[in-house]
Amino acid sequence: MPGHNPARSRRATERKGDVRERTILDTCEALLAHRGYDAMTVGDIAQGAGITRGALYFYFGSKQEVVTALVARTVEHLWERSRTTAQTNEPRQAIAAAMRRTVELWNEHGLVMRTAIDLSLTVPEIGELWSRTADLFITAITAVLERAGIQAGTEPEQASAMARSLCWMIERTFYHASQESRESLQKASLTCEHIWLVSARLTA
């Protein structure tokens, strides 16, 4: 066909697919706020995204798959925001920046984060995704502690063990504080940051 460029058509289709998938995930996030996970249906998501149920099934096999993809997108944003700051040479700056950017994401997507935590024990895909994400943060926190002079290792007073406890402490604290208000989340963040600094022996 004159003027037909298969590669260009394919790229256009892929871009359209990306936009539609993003719309589906955005709709899912909005419905989580208005209806909740249990009440939300595939039909609700399709209608909100302006597509048929059949079209939605082209992208996702179930409501659970949509939510899993939404969680994956959100934690990817969280990791992207925190990864670079965790590698900052100065530990105090790394801690402050990591906490600030984590607060930003919880303010923007706290409902998705809480949904991920709630479903992590009953939806294996979300549980695995959440655990892998936690492991990335534990590794990053460990590196910051070691740069601050904390001994490497897995004993209770060593960096790896301390990082694991810090990671799960932050998760649980943010889960509860984000349900109350942005002010509560900010205060909780400052407390977690202080505990991290104390653990790194950086408060003197």
C-alpha atoms as a PDB file:
ATOM      1  CA  MET A   1       0.000   0.000   0.000  1.00  0.00           C
ATOM      2  CA  PRO A   2       1.505   3.370  -1.027  1.00  0.00           C
ATOM      3  CA  GLY A   3       2.622   5.431   1.930  1.00  0.00           C
ATOM      4  CA  HIS A   4       1.871   2.631   4.424  1.00  0.00           C
ATOM      5  CA  ASN A   5       4.513   2.249   7.115  1.00  0.00           C
ATOM      6  CA  PRO A   6       3.971  -0.938   9.189  1.00  0.00           C
ATOM      7  CA  ALA A   7       6.493   0.104  11.835  1.00  0.00           C
ATOM      8  CA  ARG A   8       4.802   3.481  12.288  1.00  0.00           C
ATOM      9  CA  SER A   9       1.375   1.818  12.522  1.00  0.00           C
ATOM     10  CA  ARG A  10       2.706  -0.631  15.083  1.00  0.00           C
ATOM     11  CA  ARG A  11       4.201   2.171  17.200  1.00  0.00           C
ATOM     12  CA  ALA A  12       0.918   4.093  17.035  1.00  0.00           C
ATOM     13  CA  THR A  13      -0.980   0.993  18.166  1.00  0.00           C
ATOM     14  CA  GLU A  14       1.427   0.458  21.036  1.00  0.00           C
ATOM     15  CA  ARG A  15       1.086   4.072  22.115  1.00  0.00           C
ATOM     16  CA  LYS A  16      -2.707   3.802  21.990  1.00  0.00           C
ATOM     17  CA  GLY A  17      -2.508   0.617  24.038  1.00  0.00           C
ATOM     18  CA  ASP A  18      -0.296   2.295  26.616  1.00  0.00           C
ATOM     19  CA  VAL A  19      -2.744   5.190  26.930  1.00  0.00           C
ATOM     20  CA  ARG A  20      -5.690   2.837  27.325  1.00  0.00           C
ATOM     21  CA  GLU A  21      -3.892   0.754  29.932  1.00  0.00           C
ATOM     22  CA  ARG A  22      -3.010   3.906  31.854  1.00  0.00           C
ATOM     23  CA  THR A  23      -6.662   4.980  31.697  1.00  0.00           C
ATOM     24  CA  ILE A  24      -7.752   1.615  33.075  1.00  0.00           C
ATOM     25  CA  LEU A  25      -5.311   1.885  35.976  1.00  0.00           C
ATOM     26  CA  ASP A  26      -6.273   5.496  36.703  1.00  0.00           C
ATOM     27  CA  THR A  27      -9.938   4.482  36.729  1.00  0.00           C
ATOM     28  CA  CYS A  28      -9.189   1.598  39.068  1.00  0.00           C
ATOM     29  CA  GLU A  29      -7.435   3.940  41.494  1.00  0.00           C
ATOM     30  CA  ALA A  30     -10.403   6.334  41.467  1.00  0.00           C
ATOM     31  CA  LEU A  31     -12.843   3.475  42.056  1.00  0.00           C
ATOM     32  CA  LEU A  32     -10.798   2.204  44.988  1.00  0.00           C
ATOM     33  CA  ALA A  33     -11.425   5.580  46.621  1.00  0.00           C
ATOM     34  CA  HIS A  34     -15.146   5.682  45.833  1.00  0.00           C
ATOM     35  CA  ARG A  35     -16.215   2.035  46.078  1.00  0.00           C
ATOM     36  CA  GLY A  36     -13.405   0.038  47.628  1.00  0.00           C
ATOM     37  CA  TYR A  37     -11.773  -3.129  46.358  1.00  0.00           C
ATOM     38  CA  ASP A  38     -14.519  -5.570  47.342  1.00  0.00           C
ATOM     39  CA  ALA A  39     -17.398  -3.572  45.822  1.00  0.00           C
ATOM     40  CA  MET A  40     -15.562  -2.593  42.648  1.00  0.00           C
ATOM     41  CA  THR A  41     -16.241  -4.792  39.594  1.00  0.00           C
ATOM     42  CA  VAL A  42     -14.639  -5.308  36.202  1.00  0.00           C
ATOM     43  CA  GLY A  43     -17.738  -3.705  34.715  1.00  0.00           C
ATOM     44  CA  ASP A  44     -17.217  -0.606  36.852  1.00  0.00           C
ATOM     45  CA  ILE A  45     -13.614  -0.307  35.700  1.00  0.00           C
ATOM     46  CA  ALA A  46     -14.523  -0.790  32.035  1.00  0.00           C
ATOM     47  CA  GLN A  47     -17.339   1.750  32.210  1.00  0.00           C
ATOM     48  CA  GLY A  48     -15.155   4.299  33.977  1.00  0.00           C
ATOM     49  CA  ALA A  49     -12.419   3.810  31.381  1.00  0.00           C
ATOM     50  CA  GLY A  50     -14.903   4.237  28.532  1.00  0.00           C
ATOM     51  CA  ILE A  51     -14.436   0.745  27.099  1.00  0.00           C
ATOM     52  CA  THR A  52     -16.344  -2.533  26.983  1.00  0.00           C
ATOM     53  CA  ARG A  53     -15.702  -5.424  29.342  1.00  0.00           C
ATOM     54  CA  GLY A  54     -14.352  -7.373  26.386  1.00  0.00           C
ATOM     55  CA  ALA A  55     -11.878  -4.623  25.589  1.00  0.00           C
ATOM     56  CA  LEU A  56     -10.707  -4.549  29.193  1.00  0.00           C
ATOM     57  CA  TYR A  57     -10.102  -8.309  29.124  1.00  0.00           C
ATOM     58  CA  PHE A  58      -7.700  -7.727  26.241  1.00  0.00           C
ATOM     59  CA  TYR A  59      -5.419  -5.995  28.780  1.00  0.00           C
ATOM     60  CA  PHE A  60      -6.270  -7.717  32.068  1.00  0.00           C
ATOM     61  CA  GLY A  61      -7.836 -11.043  32.927  1.00  0.00           C
ATOM     62  CA  SER A  62      -9.579  -9.964  36.126  1.00  0.00           C
ATOM     63  CA  LYS A  63     -10.124  -7.187  38.651  1.00  0.00           C
ATOM     64  CA  GLN A  64      -7.291  -8.699  40.652  1.00  0.00           C
ATOM     65  CA  GLU A  65      -4.912  -8.340  37.694  1.00  0.00           C
ATOM     66  CA  VAL A  66      -5.877  -4.678  37.271  1.00  0.00           C
ATOM     67  CA  VAL A  67      -5.183  -3.938  40.926  1.00  0.00           C
ATOM     68  CA  THR A  68      -1.901  -5.860  40.792  1.00  0.00           C
ATOM     69  CA  ALA A  69      -0.796  -3.763  37.807  1.00  0.00           C
ATOM     70  CA  LEU A  70      -1.843  -0.597  39.641  1.00  0.00           C
ATOM     71  CA  VAL A  71       0.217  -1.605  42.671  1.00  0.00           C
ATOM     72  CA  ALA A  72       3.181  -2.414  40.400  1.00  0.00           C
ATOM     73  CA  ARG A  73       2.987   1.017  38.781  1.00  0.00           C
ATOM     74  CA  THR A  74       2.806   2.751  42.156  1.00  0.00           C
ATOM     75  CA  VAL A  75       5.705   0.930  43.796  1.00  0.00           C
ATOM     76  CA  GLU A  76       7.789   1.496  40.665  1.00  0.00           C
ATOM     77  CA  HIS A  77       7.233   5.232  41.123  1.00  0.00           C
ATOM     78  CA  LEU A  78       8.178   4.888  44.785  1.00  0.00           C
ATOM     79  CA  TRP A  79      11.389   3.059  43.980  1.00  0.00           C
ATOM     80  CA  GLU A  80      12.321   5.491  41.204  1.00  0.00           C
ATOM     81  CA  ARG A  81      11.914   8.408  43.595  1.00  0.00           C
ATOM     82  CA  SER A  82      13.876   6.824  46.411  1.00  0.00           C
ATOM     83  CA  ARG A  83      16.627   4.883  44.622  1.00  0.00           C
ATOM     84  CA  THR A  84      18.838   7.827  43.682  1.00  0.00           C
ATOM     85  CA  THR A  85      18.552   9.528  47.055  1.00  0.00           C
ATOM     86  CA  ALA A  86      19.429   6.312  48.869  1.00  0.00           C
ATOM     87  CA  GLN A  87      22.715   6.316  46.960  1.00  0.00           C
ATOM     88  CA  THR A  88      23.612   9.828  48.124  1.00  0.00           C
ATOM     89  CA  ASN A  89      27.001   9.760  49.824  1.00  0.00           C
ATOM     90  CA  GLU A  90      25.988  11.830  52.854  1.00  0.00           C
ATOM     91  CA  PRO A  91      23.765   9.592  55.046  1.00  0.00           C
ATOM     92  CA  ARG A  92      21.771  12.425  56.661  1.00  0.00           C
ATOM     93  CA  GLN A  93      20.841  13.828  53.258  1.00  0.00           C
ATOM     94  CA  ALA A  94      19.962  10.377  51.959  1.00  0.00           C
ATOM     95  CA  ILE A  95      17.659   9.697  54.906  1.00  0.00           C
ATOM     96  CA  ALA A  96      15.904  13.072  54.699  1.00  0.00           C
ATOM     97  CA  ALA A  97      15.409  12.847  50.934  1.00  0.00           C
ATOM     98  CA  ALA A  98      14.191   9.240  51.028  1.00  0.00           C
ATOM     99  CA  MET A  99      11.616  10.036  53.708  1.00  0.00           C
ATOM    100  CA  ARG A 100      10.451  13.186  51.931  1.00  0.00           C
ATOM    101  CA  ARG A 101       9.874  11.386  48.649  1.00  0.00           C
ATOM    102  CA  THR A 102       8.172   8.470  50.350  1.00  0.00           C
ATOM    103  CA  VAL A 103       5.764  10.898  52.022  1.00  0.00           C
ATOM    104  CA  GLU A 104       5.051  12.519  48.654  1.00  0.00           C
ATOM    105  CA  LEU A 105       4.045   9.197  47.130  1.00  0.00           C
ATOM    106  CA  TRP A 106       1.913   8.185  50.110  1.00  0.00           C
ATOM    107  CA  ASN A 107       0.123  11.529  49.881  1.00  0.00           C
ATOM    108  CA  GLU A 108      -0.545  10.930  46.193  1.00  0.00           C
ATOM    109  CA  HIS A 109      -1.306   7.198  46.246  1.00  0.00           C
ATOM    110  CA  GLY A 110      -1.837   6.226  49.882  1.00  0.00           C
ATOM    111  CA  LEU A 111      -4.995   4.293  49.083  1.00  0.00           C
ATOM    112  CA  VAL A 112      -3.148   2.107  46.579  1.00  0.00           C
ATOM    113  CA  MET A 113      -0.367   1.501  49.099  1.00  0.00           C
ATOM    114  CA  ARG A 114      -2.848   0.519  51.811  1.00  0.00           C
ATOM    115  CA  THR A 115      -4.719  -1.728  49.381  1.00  0.00           C
ATOM    116  CA  ALA A 116      -1.444  -3.446  48.499  1.00  0.00           C
ATOM    117  CA  ILE A 117      -0.729  -4.064  52.173  1.00  0.00           C
ATOM    118  CA  ASP A 118      -4.270  -5.337  52.798  1.00  0.00           C
ATOM    119  CA  LEU A 119      -4.154  -7.726  49.827  1.00  0.00           C
ATOM    120  CA  SER A 120      -0.545  -8.858  50.211  1.00  0.00           C
ATOM    121  CA  LEU A 121      -1.557 -11.828  52.373  1.00  0.00           C
ATOM    122  CA  THR A 122      -4.423 -13.017  50.166  1.00  0.00           C
ATOM    123  CA  VAL A 123      -3.317 -12.176  46.611  1.00  0.00           C
ATOM    124  CA  PRO A 124      -0.022 -13.997  45.932  1.00  0.00           C
ATOM    125  CA  GLU A 125       1.031 -11.732  43.054  1.00  0.00           C
ATOM    126  CA  ILE A 126       0.635  -8.617  45.177  1.00  0.00           C
ATOM    127  CA  GLY A 127       2.308 -10.311  48.138  1.00  0.00           C
ATOM    128  CA  GLU A 128       5.339 -11.215  46.012  1.00  0.00           C
ATOM    129  CA  LEU A 129       5.484  -7.742  44.496  1.00  0.00           C
ATOM    130  CA  TRP A 130       5.283  -6.083  47.910  1.00  0.00           C
ATOM    131  CA  SER A 131       7.959  -8.366  49.361  1.00  0.00           C
ATOM    132  CA  ARG A 132      10.327  -7.707  46.447  1.00  0.00           C
ATOM    133  CA  THR A 133       9.799  -3.978  46.840  1.00  0.00           C
ATOM    134  CA  ALA A 134      10.480  -4.206  50.572  1.00  0.00           C
ATOM    135  CA  ASP A 135      13.687  -6.130  49.867  1.00  0.00           C
ATOM    136  CA  LEU A 136      14.865  -3.325  47.561  1.00  0.00           C
ATOM    137  CA  PHE A 137      14.279  -0.769  50.285  1.00  0.00           C
ATOM    138  CA  ILE A 138      15.902  -2.934  52.938  1.00  0.00           C
ATOM    139  CA  THR A 139      18.994  -3.142  50.735  1.00  0.00           C
ATOM    140  CA  ALA A 140      18.974   0.639  50.246  1.00  0.00           C
ATOM    141  CA  ILE A 141      18.502   1.326  53.973  1.00  0.00           C
ATOM    142  CA  THR A 142      21.282  -1.139  54.765  1.00  0.00           C
ATOM    143  CA  ALA A 143      23.646   0.747  52.452  1.00  0.00           C
ATOM    144  CA  VAL A 144      22.837   4.063  54.144  1.00  0.00           C
ATOM    145  CA  LEU A 145      23.416   2.572  57.603  1.00  0.00           C
ATOM    146  CA  GLU A 146      26.736   1.080  56.528  1.00  0.00           C
ATOM    147  CA  ARG A 147      27.862   4.414  55.076  1.00  0.00           C
ATOM    148  CA  ALA A 148      27.011   5.945  58.443  1.00  0.00           C
ATOM    149  CA  GLY A 149      29.379   3.495  60.112  1.00  0.00           C
ATOM    150  CA  ILE A 150      27.017   0.737  61.256  1.00  0.00           C
ATOM    151  CA  GLN A 151      28.676  -2.664  61.051  1.00  0.00           C
ATOM    152  CA  ALA A 152      27.563  -4.877  58.176  1.00  0.00           C
ATOM    153  CA  GLY A 153      25.831  -8.112  59.094  1.00  0.00           C
ATOM    154  CA  THR A 154      22.590  -9.746  60.142  1.00  0.00           C
ATOM    155  CA  GLU A 155      22.963  -9.699  63.928  1.00  0.00           C
ATOM    156  CA  PRO A 156      20.376  -7.555  65.768  1.00  0.00           C
ATOM    157  CA  GLU A 157      22.752  -4.599  66.163  1.00  0.00           C
ATOM    158  CA  GLN A 158      24.083  -4.804  62.593  1.00  0.00           C
ATOM    159  CA  ALA A 159      22.986  -2.940  59.478  1.00  0.00           C
ATOM    160  CA  SER A 160      20.952  -5.562  57.612  1.00  0.00           C
ATOM    161  CA  ALA A 161      18.815  -6.543  60.602  1.00  0.00           C
ATOM    162  CA  MET A 162      18.272  -2.924  61.591  1.00  0.00           C
ATOM    163  CA  ALA A 163      17.303  -2.014  58.022  1.00  0.00           C
ATOM    164  CA  ARG A 164      14.671  -4.748  57.891  1.00  0.00           C
ATOM    165  CA  SER A 165      13.041  -3.510  61.087  1.00  0.00           C
ATOM    166  CA  LEU A 166      13.200   0.106  59.919  1.00  0.00           C
ATOM    167  CA  CYS A 167      11.567  -0.761  56.595  1.00  0.00           C
ATOM    168  CA  TRP A 168       8.604  -2.572  58.126  1.00  0.00           C
ATOM    169  CA  MET A 169       8.266   0.051  60.870  1.00  0.00           C
ATOM    170  CA  ILE A 170       7.952   2.774  58.219  1.00  0.00           C
ATOM    171  CA  GLU A 171       5.427   0.729  56.234  1.00  0.00           C
ATOM    172  CA  ARG A 172       3.138   0.116  59.211  1.00  0.00           C
ATOM    173  CA  THR A 173       3.468   3.665  60.552  1.00  0.00           C
ATOM    174  CA  PHE A 174       2.686   5.226  57.178  1.00  0.00           C
ATOM    175  CA  TYR A 175      -0.256   2.841  56.688  1.00  0.00           C
ATOM    176  CA  HIS A 176      -2.002   4.121  59.804  1.00  0.00           C
ATOM    177  CA  ALA A 177      -0.964   7.777  59.605  1.00  0.00           C
ATOM    178  CA  SER A 178      -2.035   8.126  55.962  1.00  0.00           C
ATOM    179  CA  GLN A 179      -5.598   7.192  56.933  1.00  0.00           C
ATOM    180  CA  GLU A 180      -5.796  10.132  59.316  1.00  0.00           C
ATOM    181  CA  SER A 181      -4.476  13.213  57.504  1.00  0.00           C
ATOM    182  CA  ARG A 182      -1.528  14.627  55.615  1.00  0.00           C
ATOM    183  CA  GLU A 183      -0.450  16.353  58.800  1.00  0.00           C
ATOM    184  CA  SER A 184      -0.426  13.030  60.661  1.00  0.00           C
ATOM    185  CA  LEU A 185       1.596  11.457  57.870  1.00  0.00           C
ATOM    186  CA  GLN A 186       4.130  14.288  57.969  1.00  0.00           C
ATOM    187  CA  LYS A 187       4.524  13.973  61.743  1.00  0.00           C
ATOM    188  CA  ALA A 188       4.871  10.203  61.471  1.00  0.00           C
ATOM    189  CA  SER A 189       7.512  10.675  58.791  1.00  0.00           C
ATOM    190  CA  LEU A 190       9.545  12.966  61.039  1.00  0.00           C
ATOM    191  CA  THR A 191       9.384  10.392  63.824  1.00  0.00           C
ATOM    192  CA  CYS A 192      10.501   7.595  61.490  1.00  0.00           C
ATOM    193  CA  GLU A 193      13.294   9.801  60.173  1.00  0.00           C
ATOM    194  CA  HIS A 194      14.465  10.493  63.728  1.00  0.00           C
ATOM    195  CA  ILE A 195      14.462   6.780  64.579  1.00  0.00           C
ATOM    196  CA  TRP A 196      16.465   6.072  61.413  1.00  0.00           C
ATOM    197  CA  LEU A 197      18.988   8.776  62.365  1.00  0.00           C
ATOM    198  CA  VAL A 198      19.260   7.377  65.900  1.00  0.00           C
ATOM    199  CA  SER A 199      19.779   3.888  64.475  1.00  0.00           C
ATOM    200  CA  ALA A 200      22.547   5.279  62.260  1.00  0.00           C
ATOM    201  CA  ARG A 201      24.056   7.132  65.252  1.00  0.00           C
ATOM    202  CA  LEU A 202      23.712  10.441  63.447  1.00  0.00           C
ATOM    203  CA  THR A 203      21.937  12.470  66.127  1.00  0.00           C
ATOM    204  CA  ALA A 204      24.986  13.543  68.128  1.00  0.00           C
END
